[in-house]
Amino acid sequence: MIPSVVEDLTPAWLSEVLGAEVAQVEIVDSHSGTTGRARLRVVAEPQLPTTLFAKIQPFDPEQRDYLRMIGMGVVEARFYAELGPSVPVRIPRVWHSSFDDDGGDFVMLLEDLEGSGCRFPAADDADTAEVAESLMTELAALHAAFAGQTPEWLRDRALGATDSDRQGARLARLADIVQSALDQFATEMPDAFRHVGQLFISRGRDIGALWNAGELTLVHGDDHVRNLFLDGGRVGFFDWAVVCEAPGMRDVSYFLTKMTTEVRRECQDSLIARYRAAIADRGIVLEQHEAYDQYRLFSVYSWLSATTTAAMGSAWHPSSIGYQSMQRATKAIIDLEALDLLAERLG
């Protein structure tokens, strides 16, 4: 059985999947966004931790249906089950992860990072630049490890030029949400906001193909600062629901364009150089001009992510966070003249 509500996370179920006696479980906290989440306190045998973090289906039926359609929950559960032990970066310890690819059910029991004493950074922390430098090194390690050998099941995850029904459904759904964002926000945003939105609505499949041009690897896909943690001085990653195959610069661009605008403008060149040097140390050459062009193209991907989140209001994240991220991403595509590059590449 794969639990679909927090009430299903019983001592009997936990005992079965963990292979150890769990006498008692308490739901310390639970909430729902892109997935359902719960922090559990358990009374169990000594080899188990006293707290666990669970991820299950969203509590809202509409959000649950959407998640099943795009497959994010299943992909994250599969990542933790099959790739978690082999990734060269710090992730939460996986106590159990299972999924039903056909039905869309999933559950993950993960390390409670708060209980482990990890710190969760914020975009305006005083050490943001140091966190970003550590992140570039970790991203290079991740991307080099999977360069040219991404698992087959991840290859239909990115917004590329495939003709699958699932891909078409994703693109159509995203186009609808972008239109909703234009309806809500275009009058209060710079002209570039409307232009890039209209371009994605009309040329989404072609833009997706540009995002998948180049050397491909496994990318986290959603590495903004709120999906990172610090274990000592080392950056770690959680929320792998958008893990997919893409050029590694997608992760670099995504993080940079979600930084505060002032810090991004100050640090972007040095951070891209740091990433290029770190991945070169692992045998992969990324030319400077290619890295910068990919940075610019993927700023539009960051804009899409931020804008669709903002358009959904509080359904996925607090609305203030989505709106702020959308503003930053819009400033980034203007600074980087991303629309000019899109026009050149699309013809």
C-alpha atoms as a PDB file:
ATOM      1  CA  MET A   1       0.000   0.000   0.000  1.00  0.00           C
ATOM      2  CA  ILE A   2       1.178   3.532  -0.807  1.00  0.00           C
ATOM      3  CA  PRO A   3      -0.270   6.044   1.685  1.00  0.00           C
ATOM      4  CA  SER A   4      -2.216   8.883   0.100  1.00  0.00           C
ATOM      5  CA  VAL A   5      -3.165  10.822   3.277  1.00  0.00           C
ATOM      6  CA  VAL A   6      -1.251  11.497   6.489  1.00  0.00           C
ATOM      7  CA  GLU A   7      -3.625   9.248   8.443  1.00  0.00           C
ATOM      8  CA  ASP A   8      -2.222   6.297   6.464  1.00  0.00           C
ATOM      9  CA  LEU A   9       1.245   6.850   7.969  1.00  0.00           C
ATOM     10  CA  THR A  10       0.484   4.429  10.779  1.00  0.00           C
ATOM     11  CA  PRO A  11       2.879   2.571  13.101  1.00  0.00           C
ATOM     12  CA  ALA A  12       1.996  -0.675  11.299  1.00  0.00           C
ATOM     13  CA  TRP A  13       2.815   0.739   7.855  1.00  0.00           C
ATOM     14  CA  LEU A  14       6.023   2.374   9.072  1.00  0.00           C
ATOM     15  CA  SER A  15       7.115  -0.849  10.753  1.00  0.00           C
ATOM     16  CA  GLU A  16       6.577  -2.763   7.524  1.00  0.00           C
ATOM     17  CA  VAL A  17       8.523  -0.454   5.206  1.00  0.00           C
ATOM     18  CA  LEU A  18      11.294   0.382   7.655  1.00  0.00           C
ATOM     19  CA  GLY A  19      11.864  -3.201   8.740  1.00  0.00           C
ATOM     20  CA  ALA A  20      11.848  -2.250  12.418  1.00  0.00           C
ATOM     21  CA  GLU A  21       9.211  -2.001  15.110  1.00  0.00           C
ATOM     22  CA  VAL A  22       7.520   1.413  15.320  1.00  0.00           C
ATOM     23  CA  ALA A  23       5.379   1.594  18.414  1.00  0.00           C
ATOM     24  CA  GLN A  24       3.975   5.073  18.003  1.00  0.00           C
ATOM     25  CA  VAL A  25       3.830   7.894  15.455  1.00  0.00           C
ATOM     26  CA  GLU A  26       2.789  11.521  15.942  1.00  0.00           C
ATOM     27  CA  ILE A  27       2.098  13.985  13.122  1.00  0.00           C
ATOM     28  CA  VAL A  28       4.022  17.003  14.375  1.00  0.00           C
ATOM     29  CA  ASP A  29       3.139  19.154  11.379  1.00  0.00           C
ATOM     30  CA  SER A  30       1.560  18.709   7.959  1.00  0.00           C
ATOM     31  CA  HIS A  31       0.859  20.976   5.011  1.00  0.00           C
ATOM     32  CA  SER A  32       0.340  20.777   1.281  1.00  0.00           C
ATOM     33  CA  GLY A  33       1.670  22.599  -1.768  1.00  0.00           C
ATOM     34  CA  THR A  34       3.115  20.906  -4.816  1.00  0.00           C
ATOM     35  CA  THR A  35       3.067  17.787  -2.610  1.00  0.00           C
ATOM     36  CA  GLY A  36       1.697  16.841   0.765  1.00  0.00           C
ATOM     37  CA  ARG A  37       4.285  17.011   3.536  1.00  0.00           C
ATOM     38  CA  ALA A  38       4.387  15.844   7.123  1.00  0.00           C
ATOM     39  CA  ARG A  39       6.950  15.819   9.917  1.00  0.00           C
ATOM     40  CA  LEU A  40       6.641  12.687  12.019  1.00  0.00           C
ATOM     41  CA  ARG A  41       7.819  11.928  15.529  1.00  0.00           C
ATOM     42  CA  VAL A  42       8.229   8.204  16.055  1.00  0.00           C
ATOM     43  CA  VAL A  43       8.798   5.921  18.989  1.00  0.00           C
ATOM     44  CA  ALA A  44      10.749   3.050  17.517  1.00  0.00           C
ATOM     45  CA  GLU A  45      13.756   0.779  17.762  1.00  0.00           C
ATOM     46  CA  PRO A  46      17.098   2.548  18.363  1.00  0.00           C
ATOM     47  CA  GLN A  47      18.369   2.223  14.787  1.00  0.00           C
ATOM     48  CA  LEU A  48      15.608   4.550  13.578  1.00  0.00           C
ATOM     49  CA  PRO A  49      15.615   8.333  14.012  1.00  0.00           C
ATOM     50  CA  THR A  50      13.139  10.010  16.352  1.00  0.00           C
ATOM     51  CA  THR A  51      11.778  12.213  13.544  1.00  0.00           C
ATOM     52  CA  LEU A  52      11.133  11.645   9.842  1.00  0.00           C
ATOM     53  CA  PHE A  53       9.936  13.797   6.957  1.00  0.00           C
ATOM     54  CA  ALA A  54       7.223  12.334   4.703  1.00  0.00           C
ATOM     55  CA  LYS A  55       6.107  13.414   1.227  1.00  0.00           C
ATOM     56  CA  ILE A  56       2.809  12.137  -0.174  1.00  0.00           C
ATOM     57  CA  GLN A  57       0.072  13.228  -2.587  1.00  0.00           C
ATOM     58  CA  PRO A  58      -1.146  16.855  -2.286  1.00  0.00           C
ATOM     59  CA  PHE A  59      -4.171  17.294  -0.056  1.00  0.00           C
ATOM     60  CA  ASP A  60      -6.093  19.372  -2.618  1.00  0.00           C
ATOM     61  CA  PRO A  61      -7.854  17.174  -5.244  1.00  0.00           C
ATOM     62  CA  GLU A  62      -7.210  19.591  -8.128  1.00  0.00           C
ATOM     63  CA  GLN A  63      -3.543  19.881  -7.278  1.00  0.00           C
ATOM     64  CA  ARG A  64      -3.355  16.107  -6.912  1.00  0.00           C
ATOM     65  CA  ASP A  65      -4.762  15.642 -10.420  1.00  0.00           C
ATOM     66  CA  TYR A  66      -2.288  18.163 -11.827  1.00  0.00           C
ATOM     67  CA  LEU A  67       0.633  16.442 -10.118  1.00  0.00           C
ATOM     68  CA  ARG A  68      -0.443  13.090 -11.533  1.00  0.00           C
ATOM     69  CA  MET A  69      -0.621  14.608 -15.016  1.00  0.00           C
ATOM     70  CA  ILE A  70       2.909  16.016 -14.948  1.00  0.00           C
ATOM     71  CA  GLY A  71       4.338  13.133 -12.895  1.00  0.00           C
ATOM     72  CA  MET A  72       6.467  15.207 -10.507  1.00  0.00           C
ATOM     73  CA  GLY A  73       5.753  13.178  -7.382  1.00  0.00           C
ATOM     74  CA  VAL A  74       6.499   9.843  -9.018  1.00  0.00           C
ATOM     75  CA  VAL A  75       9.723  11.158 -10.533  1.00  0.00           C
ATOM     76  CA  GLU A  76      10.980  12.467  -7.198  1.00  0.00           C
ATOM     77  CA  ALA A  77      10.143   9.186  -5.454  1.00  0.00           C
ATOM     78  CA  ARG A  78      11.896   7.251  -8.214  1.00  0.00           C
ATOM     79  CA  PHE A  79      14.928   9.521  -7.972  1.00  0.00           C
ATOM     80  CA  TYR A  80      15.262   8.867  -4.247  1.00  0.00           C
ATOM     81  CA  ALA A  81      14.634   5.119  -4.661  1.00  0.00           C
ATOM     82  CA  GLU A  82      16.956   4.481  -7.607  1.00  0.00           C
ATOM     83  CA  LEU A  83      19.505   7.305  -7.798  1.00  0.00           C
ATOM     84  CA  GLY A  84      19.678   8.641  -4.262  1.00  0.00           C
ATOM     85  CA  PRO A  85      22.480   6.293  -3.161  1.00  0.00           C
ATOM     86  CA  SER A  86      24.666   7.162  -6.168  1.00  0.00           C
ATOM     87  CA  VAL A  87      24.501  10.955  -6.515  1.00  0.00           C
ATOM     88  CA  PRO A  88      27.767  12.693  -5.514  1.00  0.00           C
ATOM     89  CA  VAL A  89      25.983  15.520  -3.693  1.00  0.00           C
ATOM     90  CA  ARG A  90      24.427  15.805  -0.233  1.00  0.00           C
ATOM     91  CA  ILE A  91      20.725  14.903  -0.206  1.00  0.00           C
ATOM     92  CA  PRO A  92      18.389  13.869   2.629  1.00  0.00           C
ATOM     93  CA  ARG A  93      18.929  10.291   3.728  1.00  0.00           C
ATOM     94  CA  VAL A  94      16.287   8.063   2.174  1.00  0.00           C
ATOM     95  CA  TRP A  95      14.554   5.742   4.645  1.00  0.00           C
ATOM     96  CA  HIS A  96      11.906   4.556   2.189  1.00  0.00           C
ATOM     97  CA  SER A  97      10.623   5.621  -1.221  1.00  0.00           C
ATOM     98  CA  SER A  98       8.011   3.879  -3.375  1.00  0.00           C
ATOM     99  CA  PHE A  99       5.795   4.821  -6.299  1.00  0.00           C
ATOM    100  CA  ASP A 100       3.228   3.595  -8.806  1.00  0.00           C
ATOM    101  CA  ASP A 101       4.213   4.903 -12.224  1.00  0.00           C
ATOM    102  CA  ASP A 102       0.861   3.983 -13.770  1.00  0.00           C
ATOM    103  CA  GLY A 103      -1.444   5.262 -11.036  1.00  0.00           C
ATOM    104  CA  GLY A 104       0.676   8.219  -9.948  1.00  0.00           C
ATOM    105  CA  ASP A 105       0.826   7.321  -6.238  1.00  0.00           C
ATOM    106  CA  PHE A 106       4.037   7.891  -4.290  1.00  0.00           C
ATOM    107  CA  VAL A 107       5.463   8.185  -0.801  1.00  0.00           C
ATOM    108  CA  MET A 108       8.872   9.194   0.525  1.00  0.00           C
ATOM    109  CA  LEU A 109      10.267   8.884   4.043  1.00  0.00           C
ATOM    110  CA  LEU A 110      13.314  11.109   4.296  1.00  0.00           C
ATOM    111  CA  GLU A 111      15.779  12.449   6.794  1.00  0.00           C
ATOM    112  CA  ASP A 112      14.370  15.283   8.889  1.00  0.00           C
ATOM    113  CA  LEU A 113      16.992  17.870   7.971  1.00  0.00           C
ATOM    114  CA  GLU A 114      15.903  20.243  10.718  1.00  0.00           C
ATOM    115  CA  GLY A 115      16.344  17.444  13.246  1.00  0.00           C
ATOM    116  CA  SER A 116      19.801  16.752  11.798  1.00  0.00           C
ATOM    117  CA  GLY A 117      20.857  20.318  12.575  1.00  0.00           C
ATOM    118  CA  CYS A 118      21.044  21.492   8.971  1.00  0.00           C
ATOM    119  CA  ARG A 119      20.542  25.141   8.140  1.00  0.00           C
ATOM    120  CA  PHE A 120      18.207  26.480   5.461  1.00  0.00           C
ATOM    121  CA  PRO A 121      19.641  29.539   3.657  1.00  0.00           C
ATOM    122  CA  ALA A 122      17.682  32.533   2.406  1.00  0.00           C
ATOM    123  CA  ALA A 123      18.247  34.784  -0.603  1.00  0.00           C
ATOM    124  CA  ASP A 124      19.136  37.801   1.540  1.00  0.00           C
ATOM    125  CA  ASP A 125      21.543  36.046   3.943  1.00  0.00           C
ATOM    126  CA  ALA A 126      24.867  37.766   4.505  1.00  0.00           C
ATOM    127  CA  ASP A 127      26.762  34.711   3.199  1.00  0.00           C
ATOM    128  CA  THR A 128      24.738  34.283  -0.019  1.00  0.00           C
ATOM    129  CA  ALA A 129      27.850  34.651  -2.187  1.00  0.00           C
ATOM    130  CA  GLU A 130      29.683  31.925  -0.245  1.00  0.00           C
ATOM    131  CA  VAL A 131      26.669  29.601  -0.510  1.00  0.00           C
ATOM    132  CA  ALA A 132      26.532  30.259  -4.261  1.00  0.00           C
ATOM    133  CA  GLU A 133      30.240  29.441  -4.646  1.00  0.00           C
ATOM    134  CA  SER A 134      29.769  26.129  -2.836  1.00  0.00           C
ATOM    135  CA  LEU A 135      26.725  25.417  -4.987  1.00  0.00           C
ATOM    136  CA  MET A 136      28.695  25.871  -8.230  1.00  0.00           C
ATOM    137  CA  THR A 137      31.169  23.218  -7.084  1.00  0.00           C
ATOM    138  CA  GLU A 138      28.405  20.799  -6.092  1.00  0.00           C
ATOM    139  CA  LEU A 139      26.545  21.320  -9.370  1.00  0.00           C
ATOM    140  CA  ALA A 140      29.707  20.592 -11.322  1.00  0.00           C
ATOM    141  CA  ALA A 141      30.135  17.319  -9.402  1.00  0.00           C
ATOM    142  CA  LEU A 142      26.525  16.308 -10.081  1.00  0.00           C
ATOM    143  CA  HIS A 143      26.584  17.199 -13.777  1.00  0.00           C
ATOM    144  CA  ALA A 144      29.941  15.583 -14.450  1.00  0.00           C
ATOM    145  CA  ALA A 145      28.849  12.334 -12.790  1.00  0.00           C
ATOM    146  CA  PHE A 146      25.870  11.919 -15.124  1.00  0.00           C
ATOM    147  CA  ALA A 147      27.207  13.534 -18.302  1.00  0.00           C
ATOM    148  CA  GLY A 148      25.935  11.531 -21.259  1.00  0.00           C
ATOM    149  CA  GLN A 149      24.438   8.812 -19.065  1.00  0.00           C
ATOM    150  CA  THR A 150      21.141  10.084 -17.735  1.00  0.00           C
ATOM    151  CA  PRO A 151      18.700   7.244 -16.963  1.00  0.00           C
ATOM    152  CA  GLU A 152      16.221   6.582 -19.757  1.00  0.00           C
ATOM    153  CA  TRP A 153      13.191   7.291 -17.582  1.00  0.00           C
ATOM    154  CA  LEU A 154      14.275  10.914 -17.110  1.00  0.00           C
ATOM    155  CA  ARG A 155      14.610  11.739 -20.797  1.00  0.00           C
ATOM    156  CA  ASP A 156      10.975  12.714 -21.339  1.00  0.00           C
ATOM    157  CA  ARG A 157      10.957  15.009 -18.341  1.00  0.00           C
ATOM    158  CA  ALA A 158      12.405  18.227 -19.762  1.00  0.00           C
ATOM    159  CA  LEU A 159      10.336  20.575 -21.908  1.00  0.00           C
ATOM    160  CA  GLY A 160      11.936  19.437 -25.135  1.00  0.00           C
ATOM    161  CA  ALA A 161      10.913  18.664 -28.682  1.00  0.00           C
ATOM    162  CA  THR A 162       9.472  15.201 -28.145  1.00  0.00           C
ATOM    163  CA  ASP A 163       6.055  14.397 -29.580  1.00  0.00           C
ATOM    164  CA  SER A 164       4.716  12.328 -26.693  1.00  0.00           C
ATOM    165  CA  ASP A 165       1.174  12.876 -25.470  1.00  0.00           C
ATOM    166  CA  ARG A 166       2.527  13.607 -21.996  1.00  0.00           C
ATOM    167  CA  GLN A 167       4.846  16.287 -23.326  1.00  0.00           C
ATOM    168  CA  GLY A 168       2.046  17.881 -25.320  1.00  0.00           C
ATOM    169  CA  ALA A 169      -0.198  17.921 -22.263  1.00  0.00           C
ATOM    170  CA  ARG A 170       2.524  19.597 -20.185  1.00  0.00           C
ATOM    171  CA  LEU A 171       3.132  22.295 -22.772  1.00  0.00           C
ATOM    172  CA  ALA A 172      -0.574  22.992 -23.205  1.00  0.00           C
ATOM    173  CA  ARG A 173      -1.098  23.236 -19.455  1.00  0.00           C
ATOM    174  CA  LEU A 174       1.885  25.565 -19.048  1.00  0.00           C
ATOM    175  CA  ALA A 175       0.676  27.766 -21.907  1.00  0.00           C
ATOM    176  CA  ASP A 176      -2.690  28.115 -20.158  1.00  0.00           C
ATOM    177  CA  ILE A 177      -0.993  29.121 -16.901  1.00  0.00           C
ATOM    178  CA  VAL A 178       1.254  31.623 -18.708  1.00  0.00           C
ATOM    179  CA  GLN A 179      -1.836  33.188 -20.259  1.00  0.00           C
ATOM    180  CA  SER A 180      -3.344  33.446 -16.784  1.00  0.00           C
ATOM    181  CA  ALA A 181      -0.154  35.181 -15.628  1.00  0.00           C
ATOM    182  CA  LEU A 182      -0.375  37.673 -18.498  1.00  0.00           C
ATOM    183  CA  ASP A 183      -3.985  38.387 -17.609  1.00  0.00           C
ATOM    184  CA  GLN A 184      -3.078  38.960 -13.965  1.00  0.00           C
ATOM    185  CA  PHE A 185       0.260  40.765 -14.109  1.00  0.00           C
ATOM    186  CA  ALA A 186       1.115  42.159 -17.564  1.00  0.00           C
ATOM    187  CA  THR A 187      -0.172  45.675 -16.878  1.00  0.00           C
ATOM    188  CA  GLU A 188       2.089  46.095 -13.864  1.00  0.00           C
ATOM    189  CA  MET A 189       5.228  44.499 -15.341  1.00  0.00           C
ATOM    190  CA  PRO A 190       7.726  45.690 -17.995  1.00  0.00           C
ATOM    191  CA  ASP A 191       6.845  45.105 -21.667  1.00  0.00           C
ATOM    192  CA  ALA A 192       9.316  42.216 -21.838  1.00  0.00           C
ATOM    193  CA  PHE A 193       7.044  40.266 -19.500  1.00  0.00           C
ATOM    194  CA  ARG A 194       4.191  40.254 -22.007  1.00  0.00           C
ATOM    195  CA  HIS A 195       6.494  39.631 -24.972  1.00  0.00           C
ATOM    196  CA  VAL A 196       8.189  36.564 -23.524  1.00  0.00           C
ATOM    197  CA  GLY A 197       4.852  35.182 -22.346  1.00  0.00           C
ATOM    198  CA  GLN A 198       3.267  35.516 -25.770  1.00  0.00           C
ATOM    199  CA  LEU A 199       6.343  33.984 -27.366  1.00  0.00           C
ATOM    200  CA  PHE A 200       6.160  30.928 -25.112  1.00  0.00           C
ATOM    201  CA  ILE A 201       2.447  30.480 -25.766  1.00  0.00           C
ATOM    202  CA  SER A 202       3.013  30.483 -29.529  1.00  0.00           C
ATOM    203  CA  ARG A 203       6.446  28.783 -29.742  1.00  0.00           C
ATOM    204  CA  GLY A 204       6.699  26.685 -26.570  1.00  0.00           C
ATOM    205  CA  ARG A 205       7.782  23.501 -28.311  1.00  0.00           C
ATOM    206  CA  ASP A 206      10.515  25.308 -30.264  1.00  0.00           C
ATOM    207  CA  ILE A 207      11.784  27.048 -27.144  1.00  0.00           C
ATOM    208  CA  GLY A 208      11.851  23.697 -25.369  1.00  0.00           C
ATOM    209  CA  ALA A 209      14.045  22.327 -28.142  1.00  0.00           C
ATOM    210  CA  LEU A 210      16.528  25.163 -27.578  1.00  0.00           C
ATOM    211  CA  TRP A 211      16.648  24.306 -23.885  1.00  0.00           C
ATOM    212  CA  ASN A 212      17.703  20.762 -24.759  1.00  0.00           C
ATOM    213  CA  ALA A 213      20.443  21.661 -27.243  1.00  0.00           C
ATOM    214  CA  GLY A 214      23.943  20.852 -26.080  1.00  0.00           C
ATOM    215  CA  GLU A 215      25.585  18.248 -23.857  1.00  0.00           C
ATOM    216  CA  LEU A 216      22.956  16.686 -21.613  1.00  0.00           C
ATOM    217  CA  THR A 217      23.212  15.464 -18.043  1.00  0.00           C
ATOM    218  CA  LEU A 218      21.086  14.993 -14.942  1.00  0.00           C
ATOM    219  CA  VAL A 219      20.008  18.322 -13.464  1.00  0.00           C
ATOM    220  CA  HIS A 220      18.179  19.100 -10.236  1.00  0.00           C
ATOM    221  CA  GLY A 221      15.905  21.434 -12.173  1.00  0.00           C
ATOM    222  CA  ASP A 222      14.596  23.526  -9.262  1.00  0.00           C
ATOM    223  CA  ASP A 223      17.688  24.621  -7.335  1.00  0.00           C
ATOM    224  CA  HIS A 224      16.519  27.950  -5.957  1.00  0.00           C
ATOM    225  CA  VAL A 225      17.755  28.806  -2.487  1.00  0.00           C
ATOM    226  CA  ARG A 226      14.622  27.452  -0.742  1.00  0.00           C
ATOM    227  CA  ASN A 227      15.417  23.959  -2.084  1.00  0.00           C
ATOM    228  CA  LEU A 228      18.921  23.971  -0.625  1.00  0.00           C
ATOM    229  CA  PHE A 229      20.289  23.263   2.827  1.00  0.00           C
ATOM    230  CA  LEU A 230      23.656  23.609   4.516  1.00  0.00           C
ATOM    231  CA  ASP A 231      25.269  20.717   6.374  1.00  0.00           C
ATOM    232  CA  GLY A 232      28.186  22.461   7.973  1.00  0.00           C
ATOM    233  CA  GLY A 233      29.654  24.425   5.092  1.00  0.00           C
ATOM    234  CA  ARG A 234      28.420  22.081   2.364  1.00  0.00           C
ATOM    235  CA  VAL A 235      25.393  22.807   0.196  1.00  0.00           C
ATOM    236  CA  GLY A 236      22.826  20.013  -0.099  1.00  0.00           C
ATOM    237  CA  PHE A 237      19.734  19.580  -2.279  1.00  0.00           C
ATOM    238  CA  PHE A 238      16.166  18.524  -1.552  1.00  0.00           C
ATOM    239  CA  ASP A 239      12.879  18.703  -3.520  1.00  0.00           C
ATOM    240  CA  TRP A 240      14.006  16.708  -6.578  1.00  0.00           C
ATOM    241  CA  ALA A 241      10.551  16.762  -8.213  1.00  0.00           C
ATOM    242  CA  VAL A 242      11.844  18.516 -11.345  1.00  0.00           C
ATOM    243  CA  VAL A 243      14.934  16.337 -11.835  1.00  0.00           C
ATOM    244  CA  CYS A 244      15.430  15.700 -15.549  1.00  0.00           C
ATOM    245  CA  GLU A 245      17.894  15.570 -18.430  1.00  0.00           C
ATOM    246  CA  ALA A 246      19.162  18.945 -19.690  1.00  0.00           C
ATOM    247  CA  PRO A 247      22.384  20.916 -20.156  1.00  0.00           C
ATOM    248  CA  GLY A 248      24.020  21.582 -16.799  1.00  0.00           C
ATOM    249  CA  MET A 249      23.813  25.359 -17.258  1.00  0.00           C
ATOM    250  CA  ARG A 250      20.082  25.085 -16.681  1.00  0.00           C
ATOM    251  CA  ASP A 251      20.781  24.575 -12.955  1.00  0.00           C
ATOM    252  CA  VAL A 252      23.344  27.367 -12.899  1.00  0.00           C
ATOM    253  CA  SER A 253      21.052  29.853 -14.645  1.00  0.00           C
ATOM    254  CA  TYR A 254      18.063  28.861 -12.528  1.00  0.00           C
ATOM    255  CA  PHE A 255      19.864  29.616  -9.294  1.00  0.00           C
ATOM    256  CA  LEU A 256      21.434  32.847 -10.501  1.00  0.00           C
ATOM    257  CA  THR A 257      18.203  34.320 -11.861  1.00  0.00           C
ATOM    258  CA  LYS A 258      16.410  33.572  -8.581  1.00  0.00           C
ATOM    259  CA  MET A 259      19.007  35.509  -6.566  1.00  0.00           C
ATOM    260  CA  THR A 260      18.347  39.100  -5.584  1.00  0.00           C
ATOM    261  CA  THR A 261      18.942  41.253  -8.642  1.00  0.00           C
ATOM    262  CA  GLU A 262      21.801  43.221  -7.097  1.00  0.00           C
ATOM    263  CA  VAL A 263      23.713  40.110  -6.004  1.00  0.00           C
ATOM    264  CA  ARG A 264      23.124  38.396  -9.358  1.00  0.00           C
ATOM    265  CA  ARG A 265      24.484  41.353 -11.294  1.00  0.00           C
ATOM    266  CA  GLU A 266      27.545  41.509  -9.048  1.00  0.00           C
ATOM    267  CA  CYS A 267      28.353  37.779  -8.906  1.00  0.00           C
ATOM    268  CA  GLN A 268      27.052  36.123 -12.089  1.00  0.00           C
ATOM    269  CA  ASP A 269      30.270  36.293 -14.108  1.00  0.00           C
ATOM    270  CA  SER A 270      32.483  34.985 -11.304  1.00  0.00           C
ATOM    271  CA  LEU A 271      30.027  32.203 -10.431  1.00  0.00           C
ATOM    272  CA  ILE A 272      29.758  31.010 -14.037  1.00  0.00           C
ATOM    273  CA  ALA A 273      33.547  31.038 -14.230  1.00  0.00           C
ATOM    274  CA  ARG A 274      33.707  29.013 -11.007  1.00  0.00           C
ATOM    275  CA  TYR A 275      31.282  26.438 -12.407  1.00  0.00           C
ATOM    276  CA  ARG A 276      33.236  26.172 -15.678  1.00  0.00           C
ATOM    277  CA  ALA A 277      36.484  25.660 -13.769  1.00  0.00           C
ATOM    278  CA  ALA A 278      34.953  23.046 -11.451  1.00  0.00           C
ATOM    279  CA  ILE A 279      33.477  21.018 -14.288  1.00  0.00           C
ATOM    280  CA  ALA A 280      36.723  21.347 -16.280  1.00  0.00           C
ATOM    281  CA  ASP A 281      38.502  19.767 -13.301  1.00  0.00           C
ATOM    282  CA  ARG A 282      36.224  16.773 -13.923  1.00  0.00           C
ATOM    283  CA  GLY A 283      37.117  16.516 -17.611  1.00  0.00           C
ATOM    284  CA  ILE A 284      34.310  18.532 -19.238  1.00  0.00           C
ATOM    285  CA  VAL A 285      35.082  21.643 -21.278  1.00  0.00           C
ATOM    286  CA  LEU A 286      32.382  24.324 -21.438  1.00  0.00           C
ATOM    287  CA  GLU A 287      33.425  27.301 -23.531  1.00  0.00           C
ATOM    288  CA  GLN A 288      32.770  30.733 -22.085  1.00  0.00           C
ATOM    289  CA  HIS A 289      30.542  31.956 -24.934  1.00  0.00           C
ATOM    290  CA  GLU A 290      28.502  28.741 -24.882  1.00  0.00           C
ATOM    291  CA  ALA A 291      28.028  28.957 -21.114  1.00  0.00           C
ATOM    292  CA  TYR A 292      26.863  32.563 -21.327  1.00  0.00           C
ATOM    293  CA  ASP A 293      24.438  31.910 -24.193  1.00  0.00           C
ATOM    294  CA  GLN A 294      22.951  28.976 -22.262  1.00  0.00           C
ATOM    295  CA  TYR A 295      22.695  31.198 -19.202  1.00  0.00           C
ATOM    296  CA  ARG A 296      20.669  33.683 -21.227  1.00  0.00           C
ATOM    297  CA  LEU A 297      18.412  31.033 -22.803  1.00  0.00           C
ATOM    298  CA  PHE A 298      17.728  29.351 -19.476  1.00  0.00           C
ATOM    299  CA  SER A 299      16.827  32.676 -17.881  1.00  0.00           C
ATOM    300  CA  VAL A 300      13.602  32.284 -19.897  1.00  0.00           C
ATOM    301  CA  TYR A 301      13.098  28.860 -18.311  1.00  0.00           C
ATOM    302  CA  SER A 302      13.520  30.482 -14.888  1.00  0.00           C
ATOM    303  CA  TRP A 303      11.006  33.129 -15.901  1.00  0.00           C
ATOM    304  CA  LEU A 304       8.532  30.409 -16.929  1.00  0.00           C
ATOM    305  CA  SER A 305       8.931  28.619 -13.609  1.00  0.00           C
ATOM    306  CA  ALA A 306       8.544  31.779 -11.540  1.00  0.00           C
ATOM    307  CA  THR A 307       5.653  33.162 -13.574  1.00  0.00           C
ATOM    308  CA  THR A 308       3.573  29.992 -13.578  1.00  0.00           C
ATOM    309  CA  THR A 309       4.112  29.714  -9.817  1.00  0.00           C
ATOM    310  CA  ALA A 310       2.968  33.306  -9.314  1.00  0.00           C
ATOM    311  CA  ALA A 311      -0.070  32.741 -11.528  1.00  0.00           C
ATOM    312  CA  MET A 312      -1.179  29.864  -9.299  1.00  0.00           C
ATOM    313  CA  GLY A 313      -1.420  32.187  -6.315  1.00  0.00           C
ATOM    314  CA  SER A 314      -1.007  30.300  -3.040  1.00  0.00           C
ATOM    315  CA  ALA A 315      -1.792  26.865  -4.535  1.00  0.00           C
ATOM    316  CA  TRP A 316       1.906  25.924  -4.847  1.00  0.00           C
ATOM    317  CA  HIS A 317       3.815  28.397  -2.656  1.00  0.00           C
ATOM    318  CA  PRO A 318       2.982  31.556  -0.682  1.00  0.00           C
ATOM    319  CA  SER A 319       1.886  34.109  -3.276  1.00  0.00           C
ATOM    320  CA  SER A 320       4.397  36.730  -2.105  1.00  0.00           C
ATOM    321  CA  ILE A 321       7.299  34.367  -2.838  1.00  0.00           C
ATOM    322  CA  GLY A 322       6.044  33.588  -6.336  1.00  0.00           C
ATOM    323  CA  TYR A 323       5.507  37.247  -7.185  1.00  0.00           C
ATOM    324  CA  GLN A 324       8.951  38.287  -5.946  1.00  0.00           C
ATOM    325  CA  SER A 325      10.621  35.486  -7.897  1.00  0.00           C
ATOM    326  CA  MET A 326       8.693  36.511 -11.023  1.00  0.00           C
ATOM    327  CA  GLN A 327       9.930  40.089 -10.669  1.00  0.00           C
ATOM    328  CA  ARG A 328      13.540  38.962 -10.327  1.00  0.00           C
ATOM    329  CA  ALA A 329      13.304  36.614 -13.307  1.00  0.00           C
ATOM    330  CA  THR A 330      11.772  39.361 -15.446  1.00  0.00           C
ATOM    331  CA  LYS A 331      14.629  41.713 -14.563  1.00  0.00           C
ATOM    332  CA  ALA A 332      17.067  38.945 -15.479  1.00  0.00           C
ATOM    333  CA  ILE A 333      15.673  38.361 -18.975  1.00  0.00           C
ATOM    334  CA  ILE A 334      15.861  42.116 -19.577  1.00  0.00           C
ATOM    335  CA  ASP A 335      19.429  42.426 -18.248  1.00  0.00           C
ATOM    336  CA  LEU A 336      20.566  39.424 -20.290  1.00  0.00           C
ATOM    337  CA  GLU A 337      18.712  40.476 -23.458  1.00  0.00           C
ATOM    338  CA  ALA A 338      17.232  36.997 -23.561  1.00  0.00           C
ATOM    339  CA  LEU A 339      14.450  37.950 -25.965  1.00  0.00           C
ATOM    340  CA  ASP A 340      17.024  39.077 -28.528  1.00  0.00           C
ATOM    341  CA  LEU A 341      18.800  35.733 -28.268  1.00  0.00           C
ATOM    342  CA  LEU A 342      15.496  33.854 -28.582  1.00  0.00           C
ATOM    343  CA  ALA A 343      14.599  35.831 -31.687  1.00  0.00           C
ATOM    344  CA  GLU A 344      17.975  35.001 -33.215  1.00  0.00           C
ATOM    345  CA  ARG A 345      17.744  31.281 -32.402  1.00  0.00           C
ATOM    346  CA  LEU A 346      14.080  30.837 -33.331  1.00  0.00           C
ATOM    347  CA  GLY A 347      14.476  32.624 -36.678  1.00  0.00           C
END
